[in-house]
Amino acid sequence: MEDILNSESLNKIADEVYKNNKKATLWDVLVMVLAKQGNVEPFIIWILSDLSVIELVARGHSMNYIANFLEMPSKEVASTCKTWGMRGFKQTLDFDPVMVYNEGMTVDEFRAKLSPTVAIMPSDEILEDAIINVEKHRSINKLLKEWEE
């Protein structure tokens, strides 16, 4: 196997990345290096690098909590949410949407399932966002499982 980390190979990869994306960052180059080294698709590395944020958003944690917990800027949490089509919360929810939501549930069904357990019912908008986040999280996990096979 070629030594990807030697300067000639690294320059070749960087040139390829910048040729395909004039706005590429050093992270884009690093992803490509890791992808080639690990013989995986670059999108898998992107998913794995964002997975902790994706998981915490799906579980209903606030964006500030996630930023503090993962020791990263809040802007990066928001950017990750935007990238994956997820909706960040201003406040941590009183329940774990991943544990409560069942596939295909409507907002009304979700609300009915929550009603015995929460003191204050979240708005329909928050419930809709929680559903979106859980569905995105589950589809990303499904994609990773398919890739592992």
N, C-alpha and C. Protein backbone atom coordinates (compact mmCIF):
# COMPACT_ATOMS: atom_id res chain seq x y z
N MET A 1 0.84 -1.18 0.00
CA MET A 1 0.00 0.00 0.00
C MET A 1 0.89 1.24 0.00
N GLU A 2 0.49 2.21 -0.76
CA GLU A 2 1.21 3.46 -0.87
C GLU A 2 1.20 4.21 0.46
N ASP A 3 2.33 4.85 0.81
CA ASP A 3 2.39 5.66 2.02
C ASP A 3 1.72 7.00 1.74
N ILE A 4 0.48 7.12 2.19
CA ILE A 4 -0.34 8.30 1.87
C ILE A 4 0.17 9.53 2.58
N LEU A 5 0.85 9.36 3.68
CA LEU A 5 1.27 10.51 4.45
C LEU A 5 2.61 11.08 4.00
N ASN A 6 3.23 10.50 2.96
CA ASN A 6 4.45 11.15 2.48
C ASN A 6 4.05 12.41 1.73
N SER A 7 4.94 13.36 1.67
CA SER A 7 4.59 14.69 1.16
C SER A 7 4.11 14.67 -0.29
N GLU A 8 4.67 13.80 -1.11
CA GLU A 8 4.26 13.74 -2.51
C GLU A 8 2.82 13.25 -2.64
N SER A 9 2.47 12.19 -1.92
CA SER A 9 1.11 11.66 -1.96
C SER A 9 0.13 12.65 -1.35
N LEU A 10 0.53 13.27 -0.27
CA LEU A 10 -0.33 14.25 0.39
C LEU A 10 -0.59 15.45 -0.53
N ASN A 11 0.42 15.91 -1.22
CA ASN A 11 0.25 17.02 -2.16
C ASN A 11 -0.67 16.62 -3.31
N LYS A 12 -0.53 15.40 -3.79
CA LYS A 12 -1.38 14.91 -4.87
C LYS A 12 -2.85 14.89 -4.43
N ILE A 13 -3.10 14.38 -3.22
CA ILE A 13 -4.46 14.33 -2.69
C ILE A 13 -5.01 15.74 -2.50
N ALA A 14 -4.20 16.62 -1.93
CA ALA A 14 -4.64 18.01 -1.71
C ALA A 14 -4.96 18.68 -3.03
N ASP A 15 -4.13 18.48 -4.04
CA ASP A 15 -4.40 19.06 -5.36
C ASP A 15 -5.73 18.55 -5.92
N GLU A 16 -5.98 17.26 -5.76
CA GLU A 16 -7.23 16.65 -6.24
C GLU A 16 -8.44 17.24 -5.51
N VAL A 17 -8.33 17.39 -4.20
CA VAL A 17 -9.43 17.94 -3.40
C VAL A 17 -9.71 19.37 -3.81
N TYR A 18 -8.65 20.20 -3.91
CA TYR A 18 -8.83 21.61 -4.25
C TYR A 18 -9.28 21.80 -5.70
N LYS A 19 -8.91 20.87 -6.56
CA LYS A 19 -9.35 20.94 -7.95
C LYS A 19 -10.87 20.73 -8.03
N ASN A 20 -11.39 19.82 -7.19
CA ASN A 20 -12.82 19.52 -7.18
C ASN A 20 -13.64 20.52 -6.36
N ASN A 21 -12.99 21.22 -5.44
CA ASN A 21 -13.70 22.16 -4.57
C ASN A 21 -12.77 23.31 -4.22
N LYS A 22 -12.98 24.43 -4.87
CA LYS A 22 -12.11 25.60 -4.65
C LYS A 22 -12.20 26.13 -3.23
N LYS A 23 -13.29 25.82 -2.51
CA LYS A 23 -13.46 26.29 -1.15
C LYS A 23 -13.11 25.23 -0.12
N ALA A 24 -12.43 24.18 -0.54
CA ALA A 24 -12.07 23.09 0.37
C ALA A 24 -11.20 23.61 1.51
N THR A 25 -11.33 22.91 2.63
CA THR A 25 -10.55 23.25 3.81
C THR A 25 -9.53 22.15 4.09
N LEU A 26 -8.71 22.38 5.08
CA LEU A 26 -7.75 21.37 5.48
C LEU A 26 -8.48 20.10 5.94
N TRP A 27 -9.67 20.27 6.56
CA TRP A 27 -10.47 19.13 6.98
C TRP A 27 -10.86 18.28 5.77
N ASP A 28 -11.22 18.92 4.65
CA ASP A 28 -11.58 18.18 3.44
C ASP A 28 -10.41 17.33 2.96
N VAL A 29 -9.22 17.88 3.04
CA VAL A 29 -8.02 17.13 2.64
C VAL A 29 -7.80 15.97 3.61
N LEU A 30 -7.92 16.25 4.90
CA LEU A 30 -7.73 15.20 5.90
C LEU A 30 -8.74 14.07 5.71
N VAL A 31 -9.99 14.41 5.43
CA VAL A 31 -11.01 13.39 5.19
C VAL A 31 -10.61 12.50 4.02
N MET A 32 -10.13 13.12 2.95
CA MET A 32 -9.73 12.34 1.77
C MET A 32 -8.53 11.45 2.10
N VAL A 33 -7.59 11.96 2.88
CA VAL A 33 -6.43 11.15 3.28
C VAL A 33 -6.90 9.95 4.10
N LEU A 34 -7.75 10.20 5.08
CA LEU A 34 -8.26 9.11 5.91
C LEU A 34 -9.07 8.11 5.09
N ALA A 35 -9.85 8.62 4.16
CA ALA A 35 -10.66 7.74 3.30
C ALA A 35 -9.77 6.82 2.47
N LYS A 36 -8.74 7.40 1.89
CA LYS A 36 -7.83 6.58 1.08
C LYS A 36 -7.06 5.59 1.95
N GLN A 37 -6.61 6.06 3.10
CA GLN A 37 -5.85 5.20 4.01
C GLN A 37 -6.71 4.05 4.53
N GLY A 38 -7.97 4.33 4.83
CA GLY A 38 -8.86 3.32 5.38
C GLY A 38 -9.68 2.59 4.34
N ASN A 39 -9.50 2.97 3.07
CA ASN A 39 -10.25 2.37 1.97
C ASN A 39 -11.76 2.44 2.23
N VAL A 40 -12.22 3.65 2.59
CA VAL A 40 -13.65 3.90 2.82
C VAL A 40 -14.07 5.13 2.03
N GLU A 41 -15.35 5.27 1.87
CA GLU A 41 -15.87 6.45 1.19
C GLU A 41 -15.73 7.66 2.11
N PRO A 42 -15.40 8.82 1.56
CA PRO A 42 -15.25 10.02 2.40
C PRO A 42 -16.50 10.36 3.21
N PHE A 43 -17.69 10.10 2.66
CA PHE A 43 -18.91 10.45 3.40
C PHE A 43 -19.02 9.68 4.71
N ILE A 44 -18.44 8.50 4.79
CA ILE A 44 -18.47 7.71 6.03
C ILE A 44 -17.65 8.44 7.10
N ILE A 45 -16.53 8.99 6.72
CA ILE A 45 -15.70 9.73 7.68
C ILE A 45 -16.43 10.99 8.13
N TRP A 46 -17.11 11.65 7.19
CA TRP A 46 -17.89 12.83 7.57
C TRP A 46 -18.97 12.44 8.57
N ILE A 47 -19.67 11.37 8.32
CA ILE A 47 -20.73 10.92 9.23
C ILE A 47 -20.14 10.60 10.60
N LEU A 48 -19.06 9.82 10.60
CA LEU A 48 -18.47 9.42 11.87
C LEU A 48 -17.96 10.62 12.66
N SER A 49 -17.46 11.63 11.96
CA SER A 49 -16.96 12.81 12.67
C SER A 49 -18.10 13.63 13.27
N ASP A 50 -19.28 13.55 12.69
CA ASP A 50 -20.44 14.31 13.17
C ASP A 50 -21.38 13.49 14.05
N LEU A 51 -21.10 12.21 14.19
CA LEU A 51 -22.04 11.30 14.83
C LEU A 51 -22.39 11.68 16.27
N SER A 52 -21.45 12.16 17.04
CA SER A 52 -21.76 12.52 18.43
C SER A 52 -22.74 13.68 18.48
N VAL A 53 -22.58 14.67 17.60
CA VAL A 53 -23.52 15.79 17.56
C VAL A 53 -24.90 15.28 17.11
N ILE A 54 -24.93 14.47 16.07
CA ILE A 54 -26.18 13.91 15.55
C ILE A 54 -26.93 13.17 16.65
N GLU A 55 -26.22 12.35 17.40
CA GLU A 55 -26.82 11.56 18.48
C GLU A 55 -27.39 12.47 19.56
N LEU A 56 -26.64 13.45 20.00
CA LEU A 56 -27.09 14.33 21.09
C LEU A 56 -28.27 15.21 20.66
N VAL A 57 -28.27 15.67 19.41
CA VAL A 57 -29.40 16.44 18.91
C VAL A 57 -30.64 15.56 18.87
N ALA A 58 -30.51 14.35 18.37
CA ALA A 58 -31.66 13.43 18.29
C ALA A 58 -32.20 13.11 19.67
N ARG A 59 -31.35 13.10 20.67
CA ARG A 59 -31.78 12.79 22.04
C ARG A 59 -32.37 14.00 22.75
N GLY A 60 -32.45 15.15 22.05
CA GLY A 60 -33.16 16.30 22.59
C GLY A 60 -32.35 17.26 23.42
N HIS A 61 -31.03 17.18 23.33
CA HIS A 61 -30.19 18.11 24.10
C HIS A 61 -30.12 19.47 23.41
N SER A 62 -29.95 20.50 24.22
CA SER A 62 -29.86 21.86 23.66
C SER A 62 -28.52 22.02 22.93
N MET A 63 -28.50 22.96 22.01
CA MET A 63 -27.27 23.21 21.25
C MET A 63 -26.16 23.70 22.16
N ASN A 64 -26.49 24.51 23.17
CA ASN A 64 -25.45 24.97 24.10
C ASN A 64 -24.89 23.82 24.93
N TYR A 65 -25.76 22.93 25.37
CA TYR A 65 -25.30 21.76 26.12
C TYR A 65 -24.34 20.93 25.26
N ILE A 66 -24.72 20.69 24.03
CA ILE A 66 -23.90 19.89 23.12
C ILE A 66 -22.54 20.55 22.92
N ALA A 67 -22.55 21.85 22.68
CA ALA A 67 -21.29 22.58 22.47
C ALA A 67 -20.39 22.47 23.70
N ASN A 68 -20.97 22.64 24.88
CA ASN A 68 -20.18 22.54 26.11
C ASN A 68 -19.70 21.11 26.35
N PHE A 69 -20.59 20.15 26.18
CA PHE A 69 -20.26 18.75 26.43
C PHE A 69 -19.14 18.27 25.50
N LEU A 70 -19.23 18.65 24.23
CA LEU A 70 -18.23 18.19 23.25
C LEU A 70 -17.07 19.17 23.10
N GLU A 71 -17.12 20.25 23.89
CA GLU A 71 -16.06 21.27 23.86
C GLU A 71 -15.79 21.75 22.44
N MET A 72 -16.87 22.22 21.83
CA MET A 72 -16.77 22.75 20.47
C MET A 72 -17.59 24.03 20.38
N PRO A 73 -17.29 24.89 19.41
CA PRO A 73 -18.06 26.13 19.28
C PRO A 73 -19.53 25.85 18.93
N SER A 74 -20.42 26.67 19.47
CA SER A 74 -21.85 26.53 19.18
C SER A 74 -22.13 26.62 17.69
N LYS A 75 -21.35 27.45 16.99
CA LYS A 75 -21.52 27.59 15.54
C LYS A 75 -21.31 26.26 14.83
N GLU A 76 -20.38 25.47 15.33
CA GLU A 76 -20.10 24.17 14.71
C GLU A 76 -21.26 23.20 14.94
N VAL A 77 -21.88 23.28 16.11
CA VAL A 77 -23.05 22.44 16.38
C VAL A 77 -24.17 22.83 15.41
N ALA A 78 -24.40 24.14 15.28
CA ALA A 78 -25.45 24.62 14.37
C ALA A 78 -25.14 24.23 12.93
N SER A 79 -23.88 24.32 12.55
CA SER A 79 -23.47 23.95 11.19
C SER A 79 -23.69 22.47 10.93
N THR A 80 -23.38 21.64 11.92
CA THR A 80 -23.59 20.20 11.78
C THR A 80 -25.08 19.89 11.65
N CYS A 81 -25.89 20.57 12.44
CA CYS A 81 -27.35 20.39 12.33
C CYS A 81 -27.81 20.74 10.93
N LYS A 82 -27.34 21.85 10.42
CA LYS A 82 -27.74 22.30 9.08
C LYS A 82 -27.30 21.29 8.02
N THR A 83 -26.09 20.81 8.15
CA THR A 83 -25.55 19.84 7.19
C THR A 83 -26.42 18.59 7.09
N TRP A 84 -26.90 18.11 8.23
CA TRP A 84 -27.66 16.86 8.27
C TRP A 84 -29.16 17.07 8.28
N GLY A 85 -29.61 18.31 8.15
CA GLY A 85 -31.04 18.58 8.09
C GLY A 85 -31.75 18.39 9.41
N MET A 86 -31.02 18.61 10.50
CA MET A 86 -31.59 18.45 11.83
C MET A 86 -31.91 19.82 12.42
N ARG A 87 -32.74 19.83 13.42
CA ARG A 87 -33.15 21.07 14.07
C ARG A 87 -32.63 21.10 15.50
N GLY A 88 -31.77 22.03 15.81
CA GLY A 88 -31.24 22.15 17.16
C GLY A 88 -32.26 22.78 18.09
N PHE A 89 -32.18 22.42 19.36
CA PHE A 89 -33.10 22.94 20.37
C PHE A 89 -32.42 24.01 21.21
N LYS A 90 -33.19 25.01 21.63
CA LYS A 90 -32.67 26.06 22.51
C LYS A 90 -32.54 25.53 23.93
N GLN A 91 -33.43 24.63 24.31
CA GLN A 91 -33.39 24.04 25.64
C GLN A 91 -33.47 22.52 25.52
N THR A 92 -32.82 21.85 26.46
CA THR A 92 -32.88 20.40 26.48
C THR A 92 -34.31 19.95 26.80
N LEU A 93 -34.77 18.96 26.07
CA LEU A 93 -36.13 18.44 26.27
C LEU A 93 -36.19 17.62 27.56
N ASP A 94 -37.39 17.47 28.10
CA ASP A 94 -37.60 16.71 29.33
C ASP A 94 -37.72 15.21 29.07
N PHE A 95 -37.50 14.80 27.84
CA PHE A 95 -37.62 13.39 27.48
C PHE A 95 -36.61 13.11 26.36
N ASP A 96 -36.35 11.85 26.14
CA ASP A 96 -35.43 11.42 25.09
C ASP A 96 -36.27 11.00 23.87
N PRO A 97 -36.31 11.83 22.83
CA PRO A 97 -37.12 11.50 21.66
C PRO A 97 -36.75 10.16 21.02
N VAL A 98 -35.49 9.77 21.08
CA VAL A 98 -35.06 8.50 20.48
C VAL A 98 -35.75 7.33 21.19
N MET A 99 -35.96 7.46 22.49
CA MET A 99 -36.59 6.39 23.27
C MET A 99 -38.11 6.41 23.15
N VAL A 100 -38.69 7.57 22.90
CA VAL A 100 -40.15 7.71 22.92
C VAL A 100 -40.76 7.54 21.53
N TYR A 101 -40.12 8.10 20.53
CA TYR A 101 -40.69 8.12 19.18
C TYR A 101 -40.58 6.75 18.52
N ASN A 102 -41.69 6.32 17.92
CA ASN A 102 -41.72 5.10 17.10
C ASN A 102 -41.87 5.51 15.65
N GLU A 103 -41.22 4.79 14.78
CA GLU A 103 -41.25 5.11 13.35
C GLU A 103 -42.69 5.27 12.85
N GLY A 104 -42.90 6.35 12.10
CA GLY A 104 -44.20 6.59 11.49
C GLY A 104 -45.21 7.31 12.36
N MET A 105 -44.83 7.61 13.60
CA MET A 105 -45.76 8.30 14.51
C MET A 105 -46.08 9.69 13.98
N THR A 106 -47.31 10.10 14.19
CA THR A 106 -47.69 11.47 13.89
C THR A 106 -47.41 12.33 15.12
N VAL A 107 -47.50 13.64 14.95
CA VAL A 107 -47.31 14.55 16.08
C VAL A 107 -48.35 14.25 17.16
N ASP A 108 -49.59 13.99 16.76
CA ASP A 108 -50.65 13.69 17.73
C ASP A 108 -50.36 12.39 18.50
N GLU A 109 -49.89 11.39 17.81
CA GLU A 109 -49.54 10.12 18.48
C GLU A 109 -48.35 10.31 19.42
N PHE A 110 -47.39 11.10 18.97
CA PHE A 110 -46.21 11.40 19.78
C PHE A 110 -46.65 12.14 21.05
N ARG A 111 -47.51 13.13 20.90
CA ARG A 111 -48.02 13.90 22.04
C ARG A 111 -48.77 12.98 23.00
N ALA A 112 -49.61 12.09 22.47
CA ALA A 112 -50.38 11.18 23.31
C ALA A 112 -49.46 10.25 24.11
N LYS A 113 -48.40 9.80 23.49
CA LYS A 113 -47.46 8.91 24.18
C LYS A 113 -46.70 9.66 25.27
N LEU A 114 -46.43 10.94 25.03
CA LEU A 114 -45.69 11.76 25.99
C LEU A 114 -46.55 12.24 27.15
N SER A 115 -47.84 12.44 26.92
CA SER A 115 -48.69 13.12 27.89
C SER A 115 -48.61 12.58 29.32
N PRO A 116 -48.51 11.28 29.53
CA PRO A 116 -48.44 10.81 30.93
C PRO A 116 -47.08 11.07 31.60
N THR A 117 -46.06 11.42 30.82
CA THR A 117 -44.72 11.49 31.39
C THR A 117 -44.12 12.88 31.51
N VAL A 118 -44.63 13.87 30.77
CA VAL A 118 -44.04 15.20 30.84
C VAL A 118 -44.95 16.16 31.60
N ALA A 119 -44.32 17.06 32.35
CA ALA A 119 -45.09 18.04 33.12
C ALA A 119 -45.68 19.10 32.20
N ILE A 120 -44.89 19.55 31.25
CA ILE A 120 -45.35 20.57 30.30
C ILE A 120 -45.16 20.01 28.89
N MET A 121 -46.24 19.96 28.13
CA MET A 121 -46.19 19.42 26.77
C MET A 121 -45.47 20.40 25.85
N PRO A 122 -44.45 19.92 25.13
CA PRO A 122 -43.77 20.78 24.15
C PRO A 122 -44.74 21.19 23.03
N SER A 123 -44.41 22.27 22.37
CA SER A 123 -45.24 22.74 21.26
C SER A 123 -45.17 21.76 20.10
N ASP A 124 -46.14 21.88 19.19
CA ASP A 124 -46.14 21.03 17.99
C ASP A 124 -44.86 21.21 17.20
N GLU A 125 -44.35 22.43 17.14
CA GLU A 125 -43.11 22.70 16.39
C GLU A 125 -41.94 21.92 16.98
N ILE A 126 -41.84 21.91 18.30
CA ILE A 126 -40.75 21.15 18.94
C ILE A 126 -40.94 19.66 18.71
N LEU A 127 -42.16 19.18 18.79
CA LEU A 127 -42.41 17.76 18.54
C LEU A 127 -42.08 17.39 17.10
N GLU A 128 -42.46 18.25 16.16
CA GLU A 128 -42.12 18.02 14.74
C GLU A 128 -40.61 17.99 14.55
N ASP A 129 -39.91 18.93 15.18
CA ASP A 129 -38.44 18.95 15.08
C ASP A 129 -37.83 17.69 15.68
N ALA A 130 -38.37 17.25 16.82
CA ALA A 130 -37.87 16.03 17.45
C ALA A 130 -38.06 14.82 16.53
N ILE A 131 -39.20 14.75 15.87
CA ILE A 131 -39.47 13.65 14.93
C ILE A 131 -38.46 13.70 13.78
N ILE A 132 -38.26 14.87 13.21
CA ILE A 132 -37.29 15.02 12.12
C ILE A 132 -35.91 14.56 12.57
N ASN A 133 -35.50 15.01 13.74
CA ASN A 133 -34.16 14.67 14.25
C ASN A 133 -34.00 13.16 14.47
N VAL A 134 -35.00 12.54 15.05
CA VAL A 134 -34.92 11.09 15.29
C VAL A 134 -34.89 10.34 13.97
N GLU A 135 -35.72 10.73 13.03
CA GLU A 135 -35.72 10.06 11.73
C GLU A 135 -34.38 10.23 11.01
N LYS A 136 -33.79 11.42 11.06
CA LYS A 136 -32.46 11.63 10.44
C LYS A 136 -31.43 10.76 11.14
N HIS A 137 -31.46 10.76 12.46
CA HIS A 137 -30.51 9.96 13.24
C HIS A 137 -30.62 8.48 12.88
N ARG A 138 -31.83 7.98 12.80
CA ARG A 138 -32.03 6.56 12.48
C ARG A 138 -31.61 6.25 11.04
N SER A 139 -31.86 7.15 10.11
CA SER A 139 -31.45 6.89 8.73
C SER A 139 -29.93 6.93 8.60
N ILE A 140 -29.28 7.78 9.36
CA ILE A 140 -27.81 7.83 9.34
C ILE A 140 -27.24 6.55 9.94
N ASN A 141 -27.82 6.11 11.06
CA ASN A 141 -27.36 4.85 11.66
C ASN A 141 -27.59 3.66 10.72
N LYS A 142 -28.71 3.68 10.02
CA LYS A 142 -29.00 2.60 9.06
C LYS A 142 -27.96 2.60 7.94
N LEU A 143 -27.62 3.77 7.45
CA LEU A 143 -26.59 3.90 6.42
C LEU A 143 -25.26 3.35 6.91
N LEU A 144 -24.89 3.66 8.15
CA LEU A 144 -23.63 3.16 8.70
C LEU A 144 -23.66 1.64 8.85
N LYS A 145 -24.79 1.08 9.28
CA LYS A 145 -24.90 -0.37 9.42
C LYS A 145 -24.78 -1.06 8.06
N GLU A 146 -25.41 -0.47 7.04
CA GLU A 146 -25.31 -1.04 5.69
C GLU A 146 -23.86 -0.98 5.20
N TRP A 147 -23.17 0.09 5.51
CA TRP A 147 -21.78 0.22 5.11
C TRP A 147 -20.91 -0.81 5.80
N GLU A 148 -21.19 -1.10 7.08
CA GLU A 148 -20.41 -2.08 7.83
C GLU A 148 -20.53 -3.47 7.25
N GLU A 149 -21.70 -3.77 6.66
CA GLU A 149 -21.93 -5.11 6.10
C GLU A 149 -21.21 -5.23 4.83
